[in-house]
Structures are given as structure tokens and as C-alpha cells.
Amino acid sequence: EEVLKDLQSLNPQTPVVIPPTIINQPVKQNIPTSQNPGQS
């Protein structure tokens, strides 16, 4: 039972996803533009 419990706690590998919005972090209203238009 101890082994099974630890096995069940293993998370399967998942693809990389966009990180969730940080809690209580205000959204920036004024978004600065890049100095390099091509990079933007």
C-alpha cells in the first residue's frame, strides 16, 4: 500500500503551458513597445 500510494502521487509528464496569472498582480495598462520593430 505504501508503494502504491507513492506511485499514485507521481504526476505524468505534461507539455509546457502558459504560466497562470500571478495572484494579486495588477495588469499593466501602459505596455511599452520594443525598441526593435522587427523583434516586436
PDB file of all heavy atoms in Angstrom:
ATOM      1  N   GLU A   1       0.830  -1.211   0.000  1.00  0.00           N
ATOM      2  CA  GLU A   1       0.000   0.000   0.000  1.00  0.00           C
ATOM      3  C   GLU A   1       0.862   1.258   0.000  1.00  0.00           C
ATOM      4  O   GLU A   1       0.520   2.254  -0.663  1.00  0.00           O
ATOM      5  CB  GLU A   1      -0.943   0.013   1.220  1.00  0.00           C
ATOM      6  CG  GLU A   1      -2.052  -1.022   1.188  1.00  0.00           C
ATOM      7  CD  GLU A   1      -1.625  -2.381   1.718  1.00  0.00           C
ATOM      8  OE1 GLU A   1      -0.415  -2.564   1.972  1.00  0.00           O
ATOM      9  OE2 GLU A   1      -2.488  -3.245   1.882  1.00  0.00           O
ATOM     10  N   GLU A   2       1.970   1.226   0.713  1.00  0.00           N
ATOM     11  CA  GLU A   2       2.862   2.383   0.760  1.00  0.00           C
ATOM     12  C   GLU A   2       3.461   2.667  -0.617  1.00  0.00           C
ATOM     13  O   GLU A   2       3.570   3.831  -1.035  1.00  0.00           O
ATOM     14  CB  GLU A   2       3.984   2.138   1.780  1.00  0.00           C
ATOM     15  CG  GLU A   2       3.525   2.082   3.220  1.00  0.00           C
ATOM     16  CD  GLU A   2       4.681   1.768   4.172  1.00  0.00           C
ATOM     17  OE1 GLU A   2       5.833   1.710   3.704  1.00  0.00           O
ATOM     18  OE2 GLU A   2       4.419   1.567   5.369  1.00  0.00           O
ATOM     19  N   VAL A   3       3.844   1.613  -1.322  1.00  0.00           N
ATOM     20  CA  VAL A   3       4.424   1.800  -2.654  1.00  0.00           C
ATOM     21  C   VAL A   3       3.372   2.357  -3.608  1.00  0.00           C
ATOM     22  O   VAL A   3       3.632   3.299  -4.367  1.00  0.00           O
ATOM     23  CB  VAL A   3       4.975   0.475  -3.213  1.00  0.00           C
ATOM     24  CG1 VAL A   3       5.827   0.746  -4.453  1.00  0.00           C
ATOM     25  CG2 VAL A   3       5.803  -0.258  -2.173  1.00  0.00           C
ATOM     26  N   LEU A   4       2.176   1.789  -3.571  1.00  0.00           N
ATOM     27  CA  LEU A   4       1.104   2.241  -4.447  1.00  0.00           C
ATOM     28  C   LEU A   4       0.750   3.700  -4.190  1.00  0.00           C
ATOM     29  O   LEU A   4       0.480   4.462  -5.130  1.00  0.00           O
ATOM     30  CB  LEU A   4      -0.139   1.353  -4.260  1.00  0.00           C
ATOM     31  CG  LEU A   4      -0.061  -0.039  -4.882  1.00  0.00           C
ATOM     32  CD1 LEU A   4      -1.208  -0.911  -4.404  1.00  0.00           C
ATOM     33  CD2 LEU A   4      -0.075   0.051  -6.409  1.00  0.00           C
ATOM     34  N   LYS A   5       0.769   4.100  -2.938  1.00  0.00           N
ATOM     35  CA  LYS A   5       0.461   5.483  -2.595  1.00  0.00           C
ATOM     36  C   LYS A   5       1.466   6.437  -3.225  1.00  0.00           C
ATOM     37  O   LYS A   5       1.094   7.475  -3.795  1.00  0.00           O
ATOM     38  CB  LYS A   5       0.445   5.655  -1.073  1.00  0.00           C
ATOM     39  CG  LYS A   5       0.091   7.075  -0.623  1.00  0.00           C
ATOM     40  CD  LYS A   5       0.080   7.179   0.896  1.00  0.00           C
ATOM     41  CE  LYS A   5      -0.234   8.608   1.338  1.00  0.00           C
ATOM     42  NZ  LYS A   5      -0.241   8.724   2.819  1.00  0.00           N
ATOM     43  N   ASP A   6       2.758   6.089  -3.143  1.00  0.00           N
ATOM     44  CA  ASP A   6       3.788   6.944  -3.734  1.00  0.00           C
ATOM     45  C   ASP A   6       3.713   6.930  -5.259  1.00  0.00           C
ATOM     46  O   ASP A   6       3.951   7.951  -5.916  1.00  0.00           O
ATOM     47  CB  ASP A   6       5.184   6.503  -3.276  1.00  0.00           C
ATOM     48  CG  ASP A   6       5.527   7.019  -1.884  1.00  0.00           C
ATOM     49  OD1 ASP A   6       4.687   7.749  -1.300  1.00  0.00           O
ATOM     50  OD2 ASP A   6       6.611   6.697  -1.377  1.00  0.00           O
ATOM     51  N   LEU A   7       3.359   5.787  -5.839  1.00  0.00           N
ATOM     52  CA  LEU A   7       3.227   5.709  -7.293  1.00  0.00           C
ATOM     53  C   LEU A   7       2.083   6.589  -7.786  1.00  0.00           C
ATOM     54  O   LEU A   7       2.189   7.268  -8.807  1.00  0.00           O
ATOM     55  CB  LEU A   7       2.983   4.264  -7.729  1.00  0.00           C
ATOM     56  CG  LEU A   7       4.194   3.348  -7.839  1.00  0.00           C
ATOM     57  CD1 LEU A   7       3.741   1.937  -8.171  1.00  0.00           C
ATOM     58  CD2 LEU A   7       5.157   3.848  -8.906  1.00  0.00           C
ATOM     59  N   GLN A   8       0.986   6.582  -7.046  1.00  0.00           N
ATOM     60  CA  GLN A   8      -0.176   7.369  -7.451  1.00  0.00           C
ATOM     61  C   GLN A   8       0.076   8.867  -7.343  1.00  0.00           C
ATOM     62  O   GLN A   8      -0.610   9.655  -7.991  1.00  0.00           O
ATOM     63  CB  GLN A   8      -1.388   6.966  -6.603  1.00  0.00           C
ATOM     64  CG  GLN A   8      -1.899   5.567  -6.916  1.00  0.00           C
ATOM     65  CD  GLN A   8      -2.877   5.054  -5.889  1.00  0.00           C
ATOM     66  OE1 GLN A   8      -3.134   5.699  -4.882  1.00  0.00           O
ATOM     67  NE2 GLN A   8      -3.441   3.873  -6.135  1.00  0.00           N
ATOM     68  N   SER A   9       1.058   9.244  -6.535  1.00  0.00           N
ATOM     69  CA  SER A   9       1.372  10.662  -6.372  1.00  0.00           C
ATOM     70  C   SER A   9       2.263  11.187  -7.491  1.00  0.00           C
ATOM     71  O   SER A   9       2.463  12.394  -7.617  1.00  0.00           O
ATOM     72  CB  SER A   9       2.058  10.911  -5.020  1.00  0.00           C
ATOM     73  OG  SER A   9       3.349  10.327  -5.001  1.00  0.00           O
ATOM     74  N   LEU A  10       2.814  10.272  -8.306  1.00  0.00           N
ATOM     75  CA  LEU A  10       3.667  10.695  -9.410  1.00  0.00           C
ATOM     76  C   LEU A  10       2.804  11.313 -10.496  1.00  0.00           C
ATOM     77  O   LEU A  10       1.822  10.726 -10.944  1.00  0.00           O
ATOM     78  CB  LEU A  10       4.444   9.509  -9.987  1.00  0.00           C
ATOM     79  CG  LEU A  10       5.403   8.782  -9.037  1.00  0.00           C
ATOM     80  CD1 LEU A  10       6.138   7.682  -9.790  1.00  0.00           C
ATOM     81  CD2 LEU A  10       6.395   9.739  -8.422  1.00  0.00           C
ATOM     82  N   ASN A  11       3.158  12.501 -10.925  1.00  0.00           N
ATOM     83  CA  ASN A  11       2.410  13.179 -11.979  1.00  0.00           C
ATOM     84  C   ASN A  11       2.954  12.771 -13.331  1.00  0.00           C
ATOM     85  O   ASN A  11       4.159  12.764 -13.544  1.00  0.00           O
ATOM     86  CB  ASN A  11       2.515  14.693 -11.827  1.00  0.00           C
ATOM     87  CG  ASN A  11       1.808  15.190 -10.583  1.00  0.00           C
ATOM     88  OD1 ASN A  11       0.767  14.653 -10.213  1.00  0.00           O
ATOM     89  ND2 ASN A  11       2.359  16.200  -9.945  1.00  0.00           N
ATOM     90  N   PRO A  12       2.078  12.457 -14.291  1.00  0.00           N
ATOM     91  CA  PRO A  12       2.567  12.154 -15.643  1.00  0.00           C
ATOM     92  C   PRO A  12       3.158  13.395 -16.273  1.00  0.00           C
ATOM     93  O   PRO A  12       2.809  14.514 -15.924  1.00  0.00           O
ATOM     94  CB  PRO A  12       1.291  11.710 -16.369  1.00  0.00           C
ATOM     95  CG  PRO A  12       0.174  12.373 -15.620  1.00  0.00           C
ATOM     96  CD  PRO A  12       0.620  12.417 -14.189  1.00  0.00           C
ATOM     97  N   GLN A  13       4.070  13.178 -17.197  1.00  0.00           N
ATOM     98  CA  GLN A  13       4.699  14.302 -17.871  1.00  0.00           C
ATOM     99  C   GLN A  13       3.656  15.048 -18.701  1.00  0.00           C
ATOM    100  O   GLN A  13       2.848  14.436 -19.397  1.00  0.00           O
ATOM    101  CB  GLN A  13       5.836  13.822 -18.770  1.00  0.00           C
ATOM    102  CG  GLN A  13       6.998  13.250 -17.990  1.00  0.00           C
ATOM    103  CD  GLN A  13       8.129  12.836 -18.910  1.00  0.00           C
ATOM    104  OE1 GLN A  13       7.977  12.829 -20.115  1.00  0.00           O
ATOM    105  NE2 GLN A  13       9.259  12.513 -18.329  1.00  0.00           N
ATOM    106  N   THR A  14       3.645  16.378 -18.603  1.00  0.00           N
ATOM    107  CA  THR A  14       2.696  17.189 -19.333  1.00  0.00           C
ATOM    108  C   THR A  14       3.442  18.217 -20.158  1.00  0.00           C
ATOM    109  O   THR A  14       4.542  18.636 -19.796  1.00  0.00           O
ATOM    110  CB  THR A  14       1.747  17.924 -18.367  1.00  0.00           C
ATOM    111  OG1 THR A  14       2.537  18.678 -17.436  1.00  0.00           O
ATOM    112  CG2 THR A  14       0.892  16.951 -17.604  1.00  0.00           C
ATOM    113  N   PRO A  15       2.855  18.663 -21.289  1.00  0.00           N
ATOM    114  CA  PRO A  15       3.531  19.667 -22.105  1.00  0.00           C
ATOM    115  C   PRO A  15       3.593  21.008 -21.397  1.00  0.00           C
ATOM    116  O   PRO A  15       2.812  21.289 -20.499  1.00  0.00           O
ATOM    117  CB  PRO A  15       2.637  19.737 -23.354  1.00  0.00           C
ATOM    118  CG  PRO A  15       1.299  19.278 -22.893  1.00  0.00           C
ATOM    119  CD  PRO A  15       1.574  18.229 -21.850  1.00  0.00           C
ATOM    120  N   VAL A  16       4.550  21.838 -21.820  1.00  0.00           N
ATOM    121  CA  VAL A  16       4.698  23.159 -21.231  1.00  0.00           C
ATOM    122  C   VAL A  16       3.499  24.012 -21.616  1.00  0.00           C
ATOM    123  O   VAL A  16       3.080  24.046 -22.765  1.00  0.00           O
ATOM    124  CB  VAL A  16       5.998  23.826 -21.729  1.00  0.00           C
ATOM    125  CG1 VAL A  16       6.129  25.221 -21.158  1.00  0.00           C
ATOM    126  CG2 VAL A  16       7.194  22.989 -21.334  1.00  0.00           C
ATOM    127  N   VAL A  17       2.931  24.710 -20.643  1.00  0.00           N
ATOM    128  CA  VAL A  17       1.777  25.565 -20.884  1.00  0.00           C
ATOM    129  C   VAL A  17       2.094  26.973 -20.418  1.00  0.00           C
ATOM    130  O   VAL A  17       3.073  27.214 -19.718  1.00  0.00           O
ATOM    131  CB  VAL A  17       0.523  25.043 -20.144  1.00  0.00           C
ATOM    132  CG1 VAL A  17       0.128  23.693 -20.663  1.00  0.00           C
ATOM    133  CG2 VAL A  17       0.770  24.986 -18.643  1.00  0.00           C
ATOM    134  N   ILE A  18       1.240  27.935 -20.804  1.00  0.00           N
ATOM    135  CA  ILE A  18       1.438  29.308 -20.372  1.00  0.00           C
ATOM    136  C   ILE A  18       1.263  29.387 -18.868  1.00  0.00           C
ATOM    137  O   ILE A  18       0.271  28.877 -18.331  1.00  0.00           O
ATOM    138  CB  ILE A  18       0.414  30.233 -21.056  1.00  0.00           C
ATOM    139  CG1 ILE A  18       0.656  30.215 -22.570  1.00  0.00           C
ATOM    140  CG2 ILE A  18       0.489  31.647 -20.534  1.00  0.00           C
ATOM    141  CD1 ILE A  18      -0.337  31.035 -23.349  1.00  0.00           C
ATOM    142  N   PRO A  19       2.187  29.989 -18.139  1.00  0.00           N
ATOM    143  CA  PRO A  19       2.041  30.085 -16.690  1.00  0.00           C
ATOM    144  C   PRO A  19       0.825  30.909 -16.324  1.00  0.00           C
ATOM    145  O   PRO A  19       0.495  31.881 -17.005  1.00  0.00           O
ATOM    146  CB  PRO A  19       3.334  30.784 -16.253  1.00  0.00           C
ATOM    147  CG  PRO A  19       3.820  31.490 -17.458  1.00  0.00           C
ATOM    148  CD  PRO A  19       3.391  30.661 -18.634  1.00  0.00           C
ATOM    149  N   PRO A  20       0.096  30.529 -15.254  1.00  0.00           N
ATOM    150  CA  PRO A  20      -1.103  31.270 -14.853  1.00  0.00           C
ATOM    151  C   PRO A  20      -0.747  32.663 -14.374  1.00  0.00           C
ATOM    152  O   PRO A  20       0.371  32.932 -13.959  1.00  0.00           O
ATOM    153  CB  PRO A  20      -1.674  30.412 -13.720  1.00  0.00           C
ATOM    154  CG  PRO A  20      -0.498  29.670 -13.177  1.00  0.00           C
ATOM    155  CD  PRO A  20       0.382  29.399 -14.357  1.00  0.00           C
ATOM    156  N   THR A  21      -1.727  33.562 -14.421  1.00  0.00           N
ATOM    157  CA  THR A  21      -1.521  34.932 -13.955  1.00  0.00           C
ATOM    158  C   THR A  21      -1.178  34.922 -12.476  1.00  0.00           C
ATOM    159  O   THR A  21      -1.808  34.207 -11.689  1.00  0.00           O
ATOM    160  CB  THR A  21      -2.800  35.755 -14.176  1.00  0.00           C
ATOM    161  OG1 THR A  21      -3.144  35.669 -15.555  1.00  0.00           O
ATOM    162  CG2 THR A  21      -2.595  37.204 -13.794  1.00  0.00           C
ATOM    163  N   ILE A  22      -0.185  35.669 -12.095  1.00  0.00           N
ATOM    164  CA  ILE A  22       0.218  35.738 -10.690  1.00  0.00           C
ATOM    165  C   ILE A  22      -0.892  36.383  -9.883  1.00  0.00           C
ATOM    166  O   ILE A  22      -1.418  37.439 -10.243  1.00  0.00           O
ATOM    167  CB  ILE A  22       1.516  36.543 -10.540  1.00  0.00           C
ATOM    168  CG1 ILE A  22       2.624  35.875 -11.352  1.00  0.00           C
ATOM    169  CG2 ILE A  22       1.910  36.681  -9.079  1.00  0.00           C
ATOM    170  CD1 ILE A  22       3.913  36.641 -11.327  1.00  0.00           C
ATOM    171  N   ILE A  23      -1.284  35.734  -8.802  1.00  0.00           N
ATOM    172  CA  ILE A  23      -2.390  36.226  -7.983  1.00  0.00           C
ATOM    173  C   ILE A  23      -2.059  37.596  -7.411  1.00  0.00           C
ATOM    174  O   ILE A  23      -0.962  37.839  -6.919  1.00  0.00           O
ATOM    175  CB  ILE A  23      -2.693  35.231  -6.836  1.00  0.00           C
ATOM    176  CG1 ILE A  23      -3.080  33.880  -7.443  1.00  0.00           C
ATOM    177  CG2 ILE A  23      -3.789  35.754  -5.932  1.00  0.00           C
ATOM    178  CD1 ILE A  23      -3.303  32.812  -6.428  1.00  0.00           C
ATOM    179  N   ASN A  24      -3.062  38.478  -7.477  1.00  0.00           N
ATOM    180  CA  ASN A  24      -2.972  39.833  -6.924  1.00  0.00           C
ATOM    181  C   ASN A  24      -1.967  40.728  -7.657  1.00  0.00           C
ATOM    182  O   ASN A  24      -1.637  41.807  -7.178  1.00  0.00           O
ATOM    183  CB  ASN A  24      -2.603  39.816  -5.431  1.00  0.00           C
ATOM    184  CG  ASN A  24      -3.659  39.115  -4.602  1.00  0.00           C
ATOM    185  OD1 ASN A  24      -4.849  39.175  -4.934  1.00  0.00           O
ATOM    186  ND2 ASN A  24      -3.237  38.453  -3.535  1.00  0.00           N
ATOM    187  N   GLN A  25      -1.461  40.292  -8.799  1.00  0.00           N
ATOM    188  CA  GLN A  25      -0.537  41.149  -9.542  1.00  0.00           C
ATOM    189  C   GLN A  25      -1.352  41.994 -10.503  1.00  0.00           C
ATOM    190  O   GLN A  25      -2.067  41.477 -11.356  1.00  0.00           O
ATOM    191  CB  GLN A  25       0.486  40.320 -10.326  1.00  0.00           C
ATOM    192  CG  GLN A  25       1.413  41.191 -11.179  1.00  0.00           C
ATOM    193  CD  GLN A  25       2.423  40.350 -11.899  1.00  0.00           C
ATOM    194  OE1 GLN A  25       2.823  39.309 -11.394  1.00  0.00           O
ATOM    195  NE2 GLN A  25       2.834  40.777 -13.067  1.00  0.00           N
ATOM    196  N   PRO A  26      -1.310  43.329 -10.407  1.00  0.00           N
ATOM    197  CA  PRO A  26      -2.100  44.189 -11.300  1.00  0.00           C
ATOM    198  C   PRO A  26      -1.619  44.063 -12.736  1.00  0.00           C
ATOM    199  O   PRO A  26      -0.435  43.913 -12.999  1.00  0.00           O
ATOM    200  CB  PRO A  26      -1.845  45.596 -10.740  1.00  0.00           C
ATOM    201  CG  PRO A  26      -0.528  45.498 -10.044  1.00  0.00           C
ATOM    202  CD  PRO A  26      -0.480  44.122  -9.468  1.00  0.00           C
ATOM    203  N   VAL A  27      -2.561  44.147 -13.657  1.00  0.00           N
ATOM    204  CA  VAL A  27      -2.228  44.085 -15.070  1.00  0.00           C
ATOM    205  C   VAL A  27      -1.733  45.442 -15.520  1.00  0.00           C
ATOM    206  O   VAL A  27      -2.337  46.473 -15.244  1.00  0.00           O
ATOM    207  CB  VAL A  27      -3.463  43.674 -15.900  1.00  0.00           C
ATOM    208  CG1 VAL A  27      -3.127  43.637 -17.372  1.00  0.00           C
ATOM    209  CG2 VAL A  27      -3.981  42.336 -15.425  1.00  0.00           C
ATOM    210  N   LYS A  28      -0.622  45.475 -16.235  1.00  0.00           N
ATOM    211  CA  LYS A  28      -0.064  46.739 -16.706  1.00  0.00           C
ATOM    212  C   LYS A  28      -0.945  47.312 -17.804  1.00  0.00           C
ATOM    213  O   LYS A  28      -1.264  46.641 -18.776  1.00  0.00           O
ATOM    214  CB  LYS A  28       1.360  46.523 -17.238  1.00  0.00           C
ATOM    215  CG  LYS A  28       2.352  46.117 -16.150  1.00  0.00           C
ATOM    216  CD  LYS A  28       3.743  45.954 -16.749  1.00  0.00           C
ATOM    217  CE  LYS A  28       4.740  45.541 -15.657  1.00  0.00           C
ATOM    218  NZ  LYS A  28       6.093  45.388 -16.208  1.00  0.00           N
ATOM    219  N   GLN A  29      -1.329  48.594 -17.648  1.00  0.00           N
ATOM    220  CA  GLN A  29      -2.171  49.241 -18.644  1.00  0.00           C
ATOM    221  C   GLN A  29      -1.333  49.860 -19.752  1.00  0.00           C
ATOM    222  O   GLN A  29      -1.746  49.905 -20.892  1.00  0.00           O
ATOM    223  CB  GLN A  29      -3.031  50.320 -17.966  1.00  0.00           C
ATOM    224  CG  GLN A  29      -3.957  49.766 -16.891  1.00  0.00           C
ATOM    225  CD  GLN A  29      -4.936  48.763 -17.469  1.00  0.00           C
ATOM    226  OE1 GLN A  29      -5.428  48.942 -18.587  1.00  0.00           O
ATOM    227  NE2 GLN A  29      -5.222  47.710 -16.721  1.00  0.00           N
ATOM    228  N   ASN A  30      -0.168  50.385 -19.399  1.00  0.00           N
ATOM    229  CA  ASN A  30       0.705  51.008 -20.378  1.00  0.00           C
ATOM    230  C   ASN A  30       1.811  50.024 -20.735  1.00  0.00           C
ATOM    231  O   ASN A  30       2.734  49.819 -19.959  1.00  0.00           O
ATOM    232  CB  ASN A  30       1.305  52.307 -19.837  1.00  0.00           C
ATOM    233  CG  ASN A  30       0.223  53.315 -19.515  1.00  0.00           C
ATOM    234  OD1 ASN A  30      -0.737  53.453 -20.272  1.00  0.00           O
ATOM    235  ND2 ASN A  30       0.371  54.015 -18.383  1.00  0.00           N
ATOM    236  N   ILE A  31       1.680  49.408 -21.874  1.00  0.00           N
ATOM    237  CA  ILE A  31       2.640  48.386 -22.289  1.00  0.00           C
ATOM    238  C   ILE A  31       3.689  49.027 -23.166  1.00  0.00           C
ATOM    239  O   ILE A  31       3.381  49.529 -24.248  1.00  0.00           O
ATOM    240  CB  ILE A  31       1.939  47.264 -23.071  1.00  0.00           C
ATOM    241  CG1 ILE A  31       0.840  46.642 -22.198  1.00  0.00           C
ATOM    242  CG2 ILE A  31       2.932  46.213 -23.521  1.00  0.00           C
ATOM    243  CD1 ILE A  31       0.016  45.611 -22.909  1.00  0.00           C
ATOM    244  N   PRO A  32       4.939  49.116 -22.716  1.00  0.00           N
ATOM    245  CA  PRO A  32       5.984  49.723 -23.525  1.00  0.00           C
ATOM    246  C   PRO A  32       6.256  48.898 -24.757  1.00  0.00           C
ATOM    247  O   PRO A  32       6.157  47.683 -24.738  1.00  0.00           O
ATOM    248  CB  PRO A  32       7.198  49.745 -22.585  1.00  0.00           C
ATOM    249  CG  PRO A  32       6.941  48.645 -21.615  1.00  0.00           C
ATOM    250  CD  PRO A  32       5.457  48.593 -21.443  1.00  0.00           C
ATOM    251  N   THR A  33       6.606  49.576 -25.834  1.00  0.00           N
ATOM    252  CA  THR A  33       6.914  48.886 -27.083  1.00  0.00           C
ATOM    253  C   THR A  33       8.395  48.628 -27.174  1.00  0.00           C
ATOM    254  O   THR A  33       9.208  49.318 -26.566  1.00  0.00           O
ATOM    255  CB  THR A  33       6.471  49.739 -28.285  1.00  0.00           C
ATOM    256  OG1 THR A  33       7.134  50.995 -28.221  1.00  0.00           O
ATOM    257  CG2 THR A  33       4.968  49.960 -28.254  1.00  0.00           C
ATOM    258  N   SER A  34       8.749  47.653 -27.952  1.00  0.00           N
ATOM    259  CA  SER A  34      10.153  47.309 -28.117  1.00  0.00           C
ATOM    260  C   SER A  34      10.835  48.361 -28.971  1.00  0.00           C
ATOM    261  O   SER A  34      10.218  48.978 -29.847  1.00  0.00           O
ATOM    262  CB  SER A  34      10.261  45.923 -28.774  1.00  0.00           C
ATOM    263  OG  SER A  34      11.572  45.674 -29.150  1.00  0.00           O
ATOM    264  N   GLN A  35      12.090  48.560 -28.708  1.00  0.00           N
ATOM    265  CA  GLN A  35      12.859  49.498 -29.499  1.00  0.00           C
ATOM    266  C   GLN A  35      13.140  48.941 -30.885  1.00  0.00           C
ATOM    267  O   GLN A  35      13.499  49.647 -31.791  1.00  0.00           O
ATOM    268  CB  GLN A  35      14.196  49.812 -28.776  1.00  0.00           C
ATOM    269  CG  GLN A  35      14.010  50.477 -27.412  1.00  0.00           C
ATOM    270  CD  GLN A  35      13.291  51.804 -27.513  1.00  0.00           C
ATOM    271  OE1 GLN A  35      13.571  52.602 -28.422  1.00  0.00           O
ATOM    272  NE2 GLN A  35      12.350  52.062 -26.601  1.00  0.00           N
ATOM    273  N   ASN A  36      12.999  47.631 -31.025  1.00  0.00           N
ATOM    274  CA  ASN A  36      13.280  46.979 -32.315  1.00  0.00           C
ATOM    275  C   ASN A  36      11.969  46.499 -32.928  1.00  0.00           C
ATOM    276  O   ASN A  36      11.380  45.527 -32.467  1.00  0.00           O
ATOM    277  CB  ASN A  36      14.226  45.791 -32.097  1.00  0.00           C
ATOM    278  CG  ASN A  36      14.673  45.168 -33.415  1.00  0.00           C
ATOM    279  OD1 ASN A  36      14.031  45.349 -34.452  1.00  0.00           O
ATOM    280  ND2 ASN A  36      15.779  44.453 -33.350  1.00  0.00           N
ATOM    281  N   PRO A  37      11.437  47.172 -33.983  1.00  0.00           N
ATOM    282  CA  PRO A  37      10.155  46.784 -34.569  1.00  0.00           C
ATOM    283  C   PRO A  37      10.146  45.339 -35.047  1.00  0.00           C
ATOM    284  O   PRO A  37       9.159  44.638 -34.903  1.00  0.00           O
ATOM    285  CB  PRO A  37      10.005  47.766 -35.739  1.00  0.00           C
ATOM    286  CG  PRO A  37      10.874  48.924 -35.395  1.00  0.00           C
ATOM    287  CD  PRO A  37      12.024  48.362 -34.648  1.00  0.00           C
ATOM    288  N   GLY A  38      11.261  44.898 -35.632  1.00  0.00           N
ATOM    289  CA  GLY A  38      11.321  43.506 -36.113  1.00  0.00           C
ATOM    290  C   GLY A  38      11.172  42.521 -34.976  1.00  0.00           C
ATOM    291  O   GLY A  38      10.499  41.505 -35.085  1.00  0.00           O
ATOM    292  N   GLN A  39      11.812  42.815 -33.838  1.00  0.00           N
ATOM    293  CA  GLN A  39      11.705  41.934 -32.671  1.00  0.00           C
ATOM    294  C   GLN A  39      10.270  41.900 -32.161  1.00  0.00           C
ATOM    295  O   GLN A  39       9.744  40.864 -31.778  1.00  0.00           O
ATOM    296  CB  GLN A  39      12.645  42.418 -31.569  1.00  0.00           C
ATOM    297  CG  GLN A  39      12.598  41.560 -30.310  1.00  0.00           C
ATOM    298  CD  GLN A  39      13.499  42.116 -29.213  1.00  0.00           C
ATOM    299  OE1 GLN A  39      14.075  43.185 -29.384  1.00  0.00           O
ATOM    300  NE2 GLN A  39      13.589  41.392 -28.137  1.00  0.00           N
ATOM    301  N   SER A  40       9.605  43.113 -32.161  1.00  0.00           N
ATOM    302  CA  SER A  40       8.229  43.183 -31.701  1.00  0.00           C
ATOM    303  C   SER A  40       7.317  42.343 -32.582  1.00  0.00           C
ATOM    304  O   SER A  40       6.432  41.631 -32.094  1.00  0.00           O
ATOM    305  CB  SER A  40       7.756  44.637 -31.685  1.00  0.00           C
ATOM    306  OG  SER A  40       6.404  44.713 -31.278  1.00  0.00           O
TER     307      SER A  40
END
